[in-house]
Amino acid sequence: MKSDVLNFGEAVNHVRSLEERIGHLIFGQEELVREVMCCLLASGHVLITGAPGLAKTTLVRVIASNLGLHFGRIQFTPDLLPSDITGCEVLNIDPETQRRTFMFSQGPVFGNFILADEINRASPRTQSALLEAMQERKITVAGKNYELPNPFMVFATQNPFESEGTFPLPEAQLDRFLLHAFMSYPEESAELKILHEHAANALVGEIAERKEAHPISSKHITEMIACVRKIKISDEILFAIKELVRSTRPGDVHCPQELASSLWYGAGPRAGISLVSVCRSLALMEGMEYVSWRHVRRLAKPVLRHRLRLTLAANRDRLNVDDLIETLLTGLEERHTGLAKLGSR
């Protein structure tokens, strides 16, 4: 009798099918789609930095539609209150008995895929309303706990160009995000394809929202996540990840002396945990049952870039975080010459 539980091959097929369907609707963002998929399979949240009009909202809608799950959007503004996100208790008066009771009215955070649009436009007090939801998958209102739907994933966006009227995300909030992805402008061919789709009145996001005929069920999502957690990772790669994370901390023995003055603070242990999780996800997407060093190299920057803070001197010298991470990766590979071969076919 055939088991209803997905095996490894079926999980790989489901993941590849989902990535392909998203790619047919979102043009020129293949790297971002892959990173978001890795985040989904690792049960994490993603922070996306990109210019307006690059289909960030559409990407989240397309993923939710293909998974048959509930999509919710929260537009962050300076006057947004925490209760506008989590919900609040409202007074209910029975018209017959005049009995007064408080009932909890759910906020927009009660969904599977939550788009926190322009998250850095809200005050830190409002931003913090997401902290418990992102970490614990629940919220607390008036001393009562309310579980959030499963799966639950936050897609937060921020604009890289505007600084007026924004509140930088605090370190505790940033660390809740598994990945910090960049959404770049599409290539010329992809942009032309967008224009063709618009001219044909077929561009996703401009047409009525459609329901996928055969969305992946939430049960299968849970089983795909379970398959990811079974992906093997060698002690050598775990050791390298540990050394990479510790090398981001000024004052640590693994941090290169020439870079220590450029780092204000480095990544915490959650960075290593996150890197292991998303590397396993990428391995599954590639149909591999083990993590290779190239998976670590591919995802090190999205995992680490929002967990490091550079000094004013480094900013003055125009050193950016990605360049620093690249230097750390290169130094690690020079010290451990066999890393590139770990997990390779």
Protein backbone atom coordinates (compact mmCIF):
# COMPACT_ATOMS: atom_id res chain seq x y z
CA MET A 1 0.00 0.00 0.00
CA LYS A 2 1.35 3.40 -0.98
CA SER A 3 2.09 5.74 1.93
CA ASP A 4 0.36 9.13 2.04
CA VAL A 5 3.54 10.71 3.42
CA LEU A 6 5.81 12.37 0.87
CA ASN A 7 9.08 10.62 0.23
CA PHE A 8 12.26 12.53 -0.68
CA GLY A 9 11.73 12.32 -4.45
CA GLU A 10 8.13 13.51 -4.21
CA ALA A 11 9.14 16.41 -1.98
CA VAL A 12 11.79 17.46 -4.51
CA ASN A 13 9.24 17.31 -7.34
CA HIS A 14 6.73 19.41 -5.40
CA VAL A 15 9.35 22.05 -4.58
CA ARG A 16 10.63 22.24 -8.16
CA SER A 17 7.08 22.44 -9.51
CA LEU A 18 6.27 25.30 -7.15
CA GLU A 19 9.44 27.19 -8.06
CA GLU A 20 8.69 26.73 -11.77
CA ARG A 21 5.10 27.98 -11.43
CA ILE A 22 6.26 31.06 -9.54
CA GLY A 23 8.96 31.69 -12.15
CA HIS A 24 6.33 31.69 -14.92
CA LEU A 25 4.55 34.60 -13.22
CA ILE A 26 7.38 36.60 -11.62
CA PHE A 27 9.93 37.62 -14.26
CA GLY A 28 13.60 38.36 -13.71
CA GLN A 29 13.70 37.50 -9.99
CA GLU A 30 14.96 33.91 -10.06
CA GLU A 31 17.52 34.38 -7.27
CA LEU A 32 15.00 36.03 -5.00
CA VAL A 33 12.39 33.32 -5.67
CA ARG A 34 14.95 30.66 -4.73
CA GLU A 35 15.88 32.45 -1.51
CA VAL A 36 12.22 32.88 -0.55
CA MET A 37 11.60 29.19 -1.27
CA CYS A 38 14.54 28.25 0.97
CA CYS A 39 13.07 30.44 3.70
CA LEU A 40 9.66 28.80 3.35
CA LEU A 41 11.12 25.29 3.60
CA ALA A 42 13.14 26.33 6.66
CA SER A 43 10.01 27.76 8.39
CA GLY A 44 11.58 31.22 8.55
CA HIS A 45 10.80 34.83 7.74
CA VAL A 46 12.36 36.99 5.05
CA LEU A 47 13.23 40.69 4.86
CA ILE A 48 13.26 42.01 1.28
CA THR A 49 14.98 45.27 0.36
CA GLY A 50 14.11 46.64 -3.04
CA ALA A 51 12.82 49.62 -4.98
CA PRO A 52 9.05 50.17 -5.37
CA GLY A 53 7.28 48.46 -8.26
CA LEU A 54 9.39 45.29 -8.42
CA ALA A 55 6.47 42.91 -7.67
CA LYS A 56 7.20 42.22 -4.01
CA THR A 57 3.50 42.07 -3.16
CA THR A 58 2.74 40.03 -6.26
CA LEU A 59 5.44 37.50 -5.33
CA VAL A 60 3.83 36.85 -1.95
CA ARG A 61 0.35 36.60 -3.49
CA VAL A 62 1.56 34.11 -6.11
CA ILE A 63 3.23 31.88 -3.49
CA ALA A 64 0.12 31.93 -1.28
CA SER A 65 -2.12 31.13 -4.27
CA ASN A 66 0.02 28.17 -5.32
CA LEU A 67 -0.06 26.83 -1.79
CA GLY A 68 -3.76 27.42 -1.28
CA LEU A 69 -3.06 29.45 1.86
CA HIS A 70 -4.32 32.73 3.29
CA PHE A 71 -2.47 35.91 2.32
CA GLY A 72 -2.60 39.05 4.43
CA ARG A 73 -1.07 42.47 3.92
CA ILE A 74 -0.21 45.10 6.51
CA GLN A 75 0.77 48.54 5.21
CA PHE A 76 3.14 49.97 7.81
CA THR A 77 2.73 53.71 8.40
CA PRO A 78 3.87 56.05 11.20
CA ASP A 79 0.39 56.10 12.76
CA LEU A 80 -0.04 52.28 12.80
CA LEU A 81 -0.66 50.87 16.28
CA PRO A 82 0.32 47.42 17.64
CA SER A 83 -3.37 46.53 18.00
CA ASP A 84 -3.83 47.24 14.28
CA ILE A 85 -1.55 44.24 13.69
CA THR A 86 -2.39 41.79 16.43
CA GLY A 87 -6.06 42.62 16.98
CA CYS A 88 -7.74 43.68 20.21
CA GLU A 89 -10.58 42.95 22.57
CA VAL A 90 -13.83 44.71 21.71
CA LEU A 91 -16.85 45.25 23.92
CA ASN A 92 -19.84 43.15 22.89
CA ILE A 93 -23.30 43.99 24.30
CA ASP A 94 -26.03 41.39 24.05
CA PRO A 95 -29.13 43.23 22.71
CA GLU A 96 -31.51 41.08 24.77
CA THR A 97 -29.79 40.67 28.12
CA GLN A 98 -27.59 43.77 27.88
CA ARG A 99 -24.77 41.57 29.15
CA ARG A 100 -21.38 43.03 28.34
CA THR A 101 -18.47 40.81 27.38
CA PHE A 102 -15.14 41.36 25.73
CA MET A 103 -14.44 39.39 22.56
CA PHE A 104 -11.13 39.16 20.78
CA SER A 105 -11.14 40.53 17.23
CA GLN A 106 -8.28 39.07 15.20
CA GLY A 107 -5.86 41.40 13.45
CA PRO A 108 -4.34 40.90 9.99
CA VAL A 109 -1.40 38.96 11.48
CA PHE A 110 -3.70 35.93 11.62
CA GLY A 111 -2.78 34.54 8.22
CA ASN A 112 -0.33 32.10 6.66
CA PHE A 113 1.66 34.59 4.57
CA ILE A 114 1.86 38.10 5.94
CA LEU A 115 3.31 40.93 3.86
CA ALA A 116 4.63 43.64 6.18
CA ASP A 117 4.94 46.34 3.55
CA GLU A 118 7.52 49.09 4.25
CA ILE A 119 8.03 47.79 7.76
CA ASN A 120 10.56 50.50 8.62
CA ARG A 121 7.93 53.24 8.25
CA ALA A 122 6.22 52.27 11.52
CA SER A 123 7.47 53.24 14.96
CA PRO A 124 9.65 50.79 16.94
CA ARG A 125 6.70 50.19 19.31
CA THR A 126 4.58 48.98 16.40
CA GLN A 127 7.42 47.00 14.82
CA SER A 128 7.84 45.12 18.09
CA ALA A 129 4.27 43.83 17.80
CA LEU A 130 5.63 41.30 15.32
CA LEU A 131 8.44 40.03 17.55
CA GLU A 132 6.40 37.49 19.50
CA ALA A 133 4.50 36.41 16.39
CA MET A 134 7.70 35.77 14.42
CA GLN A 135 9.48 33.92 17.20
CA GLU A 136 6.73 32.08 19.06
CA ARG A 137 4.06 31.76 16.33
CA LYS A 138 1.55 33.23 18.78
CA ILE A 139 0.47 36.58 20.18
CA THR A 140 -0.56 37.71 23.64
CA VAL A 141 -3.43 40.18 24.11
CA ALA A 142 -4.84 41.09 27.53
CA GLY A 143 -2.94 38.22 29.12
CA LYS A 144 -4.35 35.58 26.75
CA ASN A 145 -2.35 33.61 24.21
CA TYR A 146 -3.63 33.12 20.66
CA GLU A 147 -1.95 30.63 18.33
CA LEU A 148 -1.23 31.75 14.77
CA PRO A 149 -2.03 29.58 11.73
CA ASN A 150 0.46 26.98 10.55
CA PRO A 151 2.43 27.57 8.39
CA PHE A 152 3.14 31.20 9.28
CA MET A 153 5.65 33.32 7.40
CA VAL A 154 6.36 37.06 7.40
CA PHE A 155 7.57 38.80 4.25
CA ALA A 156 8.76 42.26 5.27
CA THR A 157 9.79 44.86 2.71
CA GLN A 158 11.75 48.05 3.03
CA ASN A 159 12.75 50.72 0.54
CA PRO A 160 16.53 51.23 0.25
CA PHE A 161 16.32 54.78 -1.09
CA GLU A 162 14.16 56.77 1.32
CA SER A 163 15.31 57.56 4.83
CA GLU A 164 12.97 60.42 5.77
CA GLY A 165 10.14 59.24 7.99
CA THR A 166 11.61 55.78 8.57
CA PHE A 167 12.68 53.96 11.73
CA PRO A 168 15.58 51.51 11.30
CA LEU A 169 14.73 48.02 12.48
CA PRO A 170 16.32 47.22 15.88
CA GLU A 171 18.80 44.37 16.14
CA ALA A 172 16.34 42.09 17.95
CA GLN A 173 13.83 42.52 15.12
CA LEU A 174 16.41 41.96 12.37
CA ASP A 175 17.64 38.77 14.01
CA ARG A 176 14.13 37.27 13.74
CA PHE A 177 14.47 37.24 9.95
CA LEU A 178 16.05 34.10 8.57
CA LEU A 179 17.18 35.88 5.38
CA HIS A 180 17.71 39.43 4.18
CA ALA A 181 17.20 39.30 0.42
CA PHE A 182 17.81 42.04 -2.15
CA MET A 183 15.28 42.54 -4.94
CA SER A 184 17.11 43.97 -7.92
CA TYR A 185 15.89 45.46 -11.17
CA PRO A 186 15.08 42.78 -13.77
CA GLU A 187 17.33 42.05 -16.73
CA GLU A 188 16.47 43.72 -20.04
CA SER A 189 14.87 40.59 -21.51
CA ALA A 190 12.75 40.05 -18.39
CA GLU A 191 11.62 43.67 -18.41
CA LEU A 192 10.58 43.36 -22.06
CA LYS A 193 8.60 40.24 -21.15
CA ILE A 194 6.83 42.21 -18.41
CA LEU A 195 5.83 44.84 -20.97
CA HIS A 196 4.56 42.18 -23.39
CA GLU A 197 2.43 40.62 -20.63
CA HIS A 198 1.04 44.03 -19.72
CA ALA A 199 0.23 44.83 -23.35
CA ALA A 200 -1.61 41.50 -23.62
CA ASN A 201 -3.58 42.28 -20.42
CA ALA A 202 -2.12 39.13 -18.87
CA LEU A 203 0.34 40.51 -16.32
CA VAL A 204 -0.13 38.91 -12.92
CA GLY A 205 -1.01 41.58 -10.38
CA GLU A 206 -3.04 43.53 -12.95
CA ILE A 207 -5.62 40.82 -13.59
CA ALA A 208 -8.21 39.35 -11.27
CA GLU A 209 -6.64 37.06 -8.69
CA ARG A 210 -6.90 33.48 -9.82
CA LYS A 211 -7.00 30.33 -7.77
CA GLU A 212 -4.61 27.57 -8.69
CA ALA A 213 -6.37 24.40 -9.82
CA HIS A 214 -4.07 22.12 -7.85
CA PRO A 215 -2.35 24.04 -5.06
CA ILE A 216 0.10 22.24 -2.81
CA SER A 217 -1.69 21.32 0.41
CA SER A 218 -0.62 22.53 3.84
CA LYS A 219 -0.08 18.86 4.76
CA HIS A 220 2.45 18.51 1.96
CA ILE A 221 4.17 21.72 3.04
CA THR A 222 4.61 20.25 6.52
CA GLU A 223 5.98 17.04 5.01
CA MET A 224 8.40 18.95 2.75
CA ILE A 225 9.70 20.82 5.79
CA ALA A 226 10.12 17.46 7.55
CA CYS A 227 12.15 16.20 4.55
CA VAL A 228 14.39 19.26 4.77
CA ARG A 229 15.20 18.48 8.39
CA LYS A 230 16.44 15.04 7.38
CA ILE A 231 19.06 16.45 4.99
CA LYS A 232 22.52 15.41 6.18
CA ILE A 233 25.25 17.91 6.95
CA SER A 234 28.80 16.86 7.73
CA ASP A 235 30.78 17.76 10.83
CA GLU A 236 33.34 19.51 8.62
CA ILE A 237 30.73 21.89 7.21
CA LEU A 238 29.25 22.50 10.65
CA PHE A 239 32.74 23.35 11.91
CA ALA A 240 33.25 25.76 8.99
CA ILE A 241 29.88 27.45 9.64
CA LYS A 242 30.80 27.85 13.30
CA GLU A 243 34.11 29.44 12.37
CA LEU A 244 32.48 31.71 9.76
CA VAL A 245 29.92 33.03 12.25
CA ARG A 246 32.50 33.58 14.98
CA SER A 247 34.79 35.39 12.52
CA THR A 248 32.16 38.16 12.25
CA ARG A 249 32.62 39.09 15.92
CA PRO A 250 35.29 41.71 16.67
CA GLY A 251 37.56 40.45 19.43
CA ASP A 252 37.01 36.78 18.62
CA VAL A 253 40.13 34.79 17.82
CA HIS A 254 38.67 33.83 14.42
CA CYS A 255 38.06 37.45 13.36
CA PRO A 256 40.85 38.73 11.05
CA GLN A 257 42.71 41.59 12.71
CA GLU A 258 42.48 43.76 9.60
CA LEU A 259 38.66 43.56 9.71
CA ALA A 260 38.06 43.82 13.46
CA SER A 261 38.10 47.63 13.39
CA SER A 262 35.40 47.61 10.70
CA LEU A 263 32.95 45.57 12.77
CA TRP A 264 30.82 47.10 15.49
CA TYR A 265 29.17 43.79 16.36
CA GLY A 266 28.84 40.38 14.73
CA ALA A 267 26.34 37.58 14.30
CA GLY A 268 24.98 35.54 17.18
CA PRO A 269 24.41 31.78 17.41
CA ARG A 270 21.04 32.11 15.62
CA ALA A 271 22.98 32.97 12.46
CA GLY A 272 24.64 29.56 12.39
CA ILE A 273 21.34 27.81 13.05
CA SER A 274 19.72 29.80 10.24
CA LEU A 275 22.52 29.01 7.82
CA VAL A 276 22.22 25.28 8.47
CA SER A 277 18.44 25.42 7.97
CA VAL A 278 18.46 27.27 4.65
CA CYS A 279 21.38 25.22 3.29
CA ARG A 280 19.33 22.09 3.91
CA SER A 281 16.43 23.72 2.05
CA LEU A 282 18.64 24.54 -0.93
CA ALA A 283 19.98 20.99 -0.96
CA LEU A 284 16.42 19.65 -1.19
CA MET A 285 15.61 22.05 -4.03
CA GLU A 286 18.60 20.69 -5.91
CA GLY A 287 17.57 17.09 -5.20
CA MET A 288 20.53 16.41 -2.91
CA GLU A 289 20.31 14.50 0.37
CA TYR A 290 23.30 16.30 1.90
CA VAL A 291 24.61 19.86 2.23
CA SER A 292 27.66 20.88 0.23
CA TRP A 293 29.97 23.84 0.83
CA ARG A 294 28.60 25.64 -2.25
CA HIS A 295 25.21 25.78 -0.53
CA VAL A 296 26.85 27.57 2.40
CA ARG A 297 28.63 29.93 0.06
CA ARG A 298 25.43 30.71 -1.86
CA LEU A 299 23.41 31.60 1.24
CA ALA A 300 26.00 33.04 3.64
CA LYS A 301 25.38 36.64 2.58
CA PRO A 302 21.55 36.63 2.81
CA VAL A 303 21.81 34.96 6.24
CA LEU A 304 24.56 37.18 7.67
CA ARG A 305 24.18 40.61 6.05
CA HIS A 306 21.46 41.86 8.43
CA ARG A 307 23.14 40.42 11.50
CA LEU A 308 26.36 42.44 11.21
CA ARG A 309 26.83 46.13 11.91
CA LEU A 310 29.79 48.05 10.54
CA THR A 311 31.57 50.91 12.29
CA LEU A 312 31.39 54.50 11.11
CA ALA A 313 34.96 54.17 9.87
CA ALA A 314 33.99 51.24 7.64
CA ASN A 315 31.05 53.19 6.24
CA ARG A 316 33.31 56.14 5.62
CA ASP A 317 35.70 53.89 3.70
CA ARG A 318 32.71 52.61 1.66
CA LEU A 319 33.12 49.04 2.88
CA ASN A 320 29.81 47.21 2.60
CA VAL A 321 28.65 44.14 4.51
CA ASP A 322 28.58 41.81 1.51
CA ASP A 323 32.21 42.62 0.66
CA LEU A 324 33.22 41.90 4.24
CA ILE A 325 31.39 38.55 4.24
CA GLU A 326 33.05 37.65 0.93
CA THR A 327 36.45 38.40 2.49
CA LEU A 328 35.63 36.15 5.46
CA LEU A 329 34.48 33.34 3.15
CA THR A 330 37.63 33.60 1.03
CA GLY A 331 39.86 33.56 4.11
CA LEU A 332 38.04 30.53 5.46
CA GLU A 333 38.52 28.66 2.18
CA GLU A 334 42.22 29.54 2.17
CA ARG A 335 42.65 28.14 5.68
CA HIS A 336 40.62 25.01 4.91
CA THR A 337 41.53 24.08 1.36
CA GLY A 338 39.25 21.06 1.24
CA LEU A 339 36.02 22.98 1.83
CA ALA A 340 35.13 23.35 -1.84
CA LYS A 341 35.10 19.56 -2.23
CA LEU A 342 32.82 18.90 0.76
CA GLY A 343 29.52 17.50 -0.46
CA SER A 344 30.37 18.07 -4.13
CA ARG A 345 29.40 15.47 -6.70
